[in-house]
Amino acid sequence: MKELKPQFDGIGEVSGYQFLQIRSAEWGFLYEVSLGSRKHYEVFKRRLNRRFATVSYPSSKAFGVWAWTFIDFDLAKDRFEELRTNYNLKKNE
């Protein structure tokens, strides 16, 4: 399974953005996204694309469903930890 890159430049609708992985876990990811001096954070669940044997970065349609955007880093960290808690609860059911 091909994992997401720890750092990459956006293409297509996110051209010009730079993505930096802050946290990675078996349940999700936290990326810092920058465009010049502006920054925000994206938190999302790990999604496997079995057809292409890769982990998927969310498209714009995924935000609000299995991916979230935050201006504040602490809020992004909190959401990342919520994903961990939910993952562990499901794992233990």
C-alpha atoms as a PDB file:
ATOM      1  CA  MET A   1       0.000   0.000   0.000  1.00  0.00           C
ATOM      2  CA  LYS A   2       1.484   3.329  -1.033  1.00  0.00           C
ATOM      3  CA  GLU A   3       1.338   5.838   1.848  1.00  0.00           C
ATOM      4  CA  LEU A   4       0.820   9.577   1.599  1.00  0.00           C
ATOM      5  CA  LYS A   5       3.953  11.654   1.166  1.00  0.00           C
ATOM      6  CA  PRO A   6       5.095  13.563   4.254  1.00  0.00           C
ATOM      7  CA  GLN A   7       5.497  16.717   2.152  1.00  0.00           C
ATOM      8  CA  PHE A   8       4.210  17.633  -1.303  1.00  0.00           C
ATOM      9  CA  ASP A   9       3.070  20.511  -3.517  1.00  0.00           C
ATOM     10  CA  GLY A  10      -0.574  20.656  -4.524  1.00  0.00           C
ATOM     11  CA  ILE A  11      -1.768  20.122  -8.087  1.00  0.00           C
ATOM     12  CA  GLY A  12      -5.059  20.818  -9.823  1.00  0.00           C
ATOM     13  CA  GLU A  13      -7.552  22.690  -7.640  1.00  0.00           C
ATOM     14  CA  VAL A  14      -4.924  23.025  -4.872  1.00  0.00           C
ATOM     15  CA  SER A  15      -2.078  24.148  -7.110  1.00  0.00           C
ATOM     16  CA  GLY A  16       0.253  26.518  -5.257  1.00  0.00           C
ATOM     17  CA  TYR A  17      -0.480  25.021  -1.845  1.00  0.00           C
ATOM     18  CA  GLN A  18       2.211  23.190   0.109  1.00  0.00           C
ATOM     19  CA  PHE A  19       1.289  20.238   2.313  1.00  0.00           C
ATOM     20  CA  LEU A  20       3.310  19.123   5.334  1.00  0.00           C
ATOM     21  CA  GLN A  21       2.361  16.061   7.358  1.00  0.00           C
ATOM     22  CA  ILE A  22       2.346  16.893  11.071  1.00  0.00           C
ATOM     23  CA  ARG A  23       0.898  13.641  12.392  1.00  0.00           C
ATOM     24  CA  SER A  24       0.193  10.242  10.909  1.00  0.00           C
ATOM     25  CA  ALA A  25      -1.476   7.230  12.502  1.00  0.00           C
ATOM     26  CA  GLU A  26      -3.331   4.090  11.529  1.00  0.00           C
ATOM     27  CA  TRP A  27      -6.615   5.996  11.889  1.00  0.00           C
ATOM     28  CA  GLY A  28      -5.819   9.356  10.258  1.00  0.00           C
ATOM     29  CA  PHE A  29      -3.632  12.294   9.372  1.00  0.00           C
ATOM     30  CA  LEU A  30      -2.974  15.915  10.281  1.00  0.00           C
ATOM     31  CA  TYR A  31      -1.438  18.157   7.600  1.00  0.00           C
ATOM     32  CA  GLU A  32      -0.368  21.785   7.676  1.00  0.00           C
ATOM     33  CA  VAL A  33      -1.390  23.473   4.433  1.00  0.00           C
ATOM     34  CA  SER A  34       0.223  26.736   3.403  1.00  0.00           C
ATOM     35  CA  LEU A  35      -0.189  29.219   0.599  1.00  0.00           C
ATOM     36  CA  GLY A  36       2.449  31.893   1.009  1.00  0.00           C
ATOM     37  CA  SER A  37       2.226  33.105   4.605  1.00  0.00           C
ATOM     38  CA  ARG A  38      -1.328  31.794   5.117  1.00  0.00           C
ATOM     39  CA  LYS A  39      -1.709  28.454   6.910  1.00  0.00           C
ATOM     40  CA  HIS A  40      -4.503  26.118   7.853  1.00  0.00           C
ATOM     41  CA  TYR A  41      -4.718  22.499   8.984  1.00  0.00           C
ATOM     42  CA  GLU A  42      -6.465  19.493   7.508  1.00  0.00           C
ATOM     43  CA  VAL A  43      -7.422  16.465   9.563  1.00  0.00           C
ATOM     44  CA  PHE A  44      -8.827  13.377   7.893  1.00  0.00           C
ATOM     45  CA  LYS A  45      -9.460   9.690   8.346  1.00  0.00           C
ATOM     46  CA  ARG A  46      -7.203   7.150   6.700  1.00  0.00           C
ATOM     47  CA  ARG A  47      -8.946   5.926   3.551  1.00  0.00           C
ATOM     48  CA  LEU A  48      -7.563   3.111   1.463  1.00  0.00           C
ATOM     49  CA  ASN A  49      -8.021   3.061  -2.292  1.00  0.00           C
ATOM     50  CA  ARG A  50      -7.700  -0.650  -2.966  1.00  0.00           C
ATOM     51  CA  ARG A  51      -8.066  -0.173  -6.717  1.00  0.00           C
ATOM     52  CA  PHE A  52      -4.810   1.797  -6.876  1.00  0.00           C
ATOM     53  CA  ALA A  53      -3.220   0.315  -3.707  1.00  0.00           C
ATOM     54  CA  THR A  54      -2.753   3.717  -2.115  1.00  0.00           C
ATOM     55  CA  VAL A  55      -3.904   5.832   0.806  1.00  0.00           C
ATOM     56  CA  SER A  56      -6.139   8.656  -0.444  1.00  0.00           C
ATOM     57  CA  TYR A  57      -5.863  12.349   0.329  1.00  0.00           C
ATOM     58  CA  PRO A  58      -9.396  13.759   0.531  1.00  0.00           C
ATOM     59  CA  SER A  59     -10.905  15.708  -2.348  1.00  0.00           C
ATOM     60  CA  SER A  60     -12.929  18.848  -1.678  1.00  0.00           C
ATOM     61  CA  LYS A  61     -16.133  16.731  -1.519  1.00  0.00           C
ATOM     62  CA  ALA A  62     -14.794  14.821   1.514  1.00  0.00           C
ATOM     63  CA  PHE A  63     -14.516  17.865   3.767  1.00  0.00           C
ATOM     64  CA  GLY A  64     -17.242  17.836   6.369  1.00  0.00           C
ATOM     65  CA  VAL A  65     -17.720  14.086   5.873  1.00  0.00           C
ATOM     66  CA  TRP A  66     -14.400  12.366   6.672  1.00  0.00           C
ATOM     67  CA  ALA A  67     -12.060  15.364   6.482  1.00  0.00           C
ATOM     68  CA  TRP A  68     -12.023  18.725   8.285  1.00  0.00           C
ATOM     69  CA  THR A  69     -10.235  22.078   7.947  1.00  0.00           C
ATOM     70  CA  PHE A  70      -9.096  24.221  10.877  1.00  0.00           C
ATOM     71  CA  ILE A  71      -7.396  27.611  11.131  1.00  0.00           C
ATOM     72  CA  ASP A  72      -6.337  26.893  14.720  1.00  0.00           C
ATOM     73  CA  PHE A  73      -3.699  24.193  15.264  1.00  0.00           C
ATOM     74  CA  ASP A  74      -5.034  23.253  18.716  1.00  0.00           C
ATOM     75  CA  LEU A  75      -8.494  22.584  17.285  1.00  0.00           C
ATOM     76  CA  ALA A  76      -6.935  20.441  14.556  1.00  0.00           C
ATOM     77  CA  LYS A  77      -4.990  18.460  17.197  1.00  0.00           C
ATOM     78  CA  ASP A  78      -8.195  17.959  19.181  1.00  0.00           C
ATOM     79  CA  ARG A  79     -10.012  16.593  16.117  1.00  0.00           C
ATOM     80  CA  PHE A  80      -7.091  14.282  15.375  1.00  0.00           C
ATOM     81  CA  GLU A  81      -7.335  12.927  18.933  1.00  0.00           C
ATOM     82  CA  GLU A  82     -11.105  12.469  18.524  1.00  0.00           C
ATOM     83  CA  LEU A  83     -10.391  10.304  15.486  1.00  0.00           C
ATOM     84  CA  ARG A  84      -8.047   8.202  17.639  1.00  0.00           C
ATOM     85  CA  THR A  85     -10.662   7.809  20.365  1.00  0.00           C
ATOM     86  CA  ASN A  86     -13.367   6.825  17.869  1.00  0.00           C
ATOM     87  CA  TYR A  87     -11.012   4.397  16.151  1.00  0.00           C
ATOM     88  CA  ASN A  88     -10.123   2.722  19.445  1.00  0.00           C
ATOM     89  CA  LEU A  89     -13.773   2.459  20.477  1.00  0.00           C
ATOM     90  CA  LYS A  90     -14.697   0.767  17.177  1.00  0.00           C
ATOM     91  CA  LYS A  91     -11.651  -1.472  17.365  1.00  0.00           C
ATOM     92  CA  ASN A  92     -12.667  -2.687  20.840  1.00  0.00           C
ATOM     93  CA  GLU A  93     -16.316  -3.420  19.944  1.00  0.00           C
END
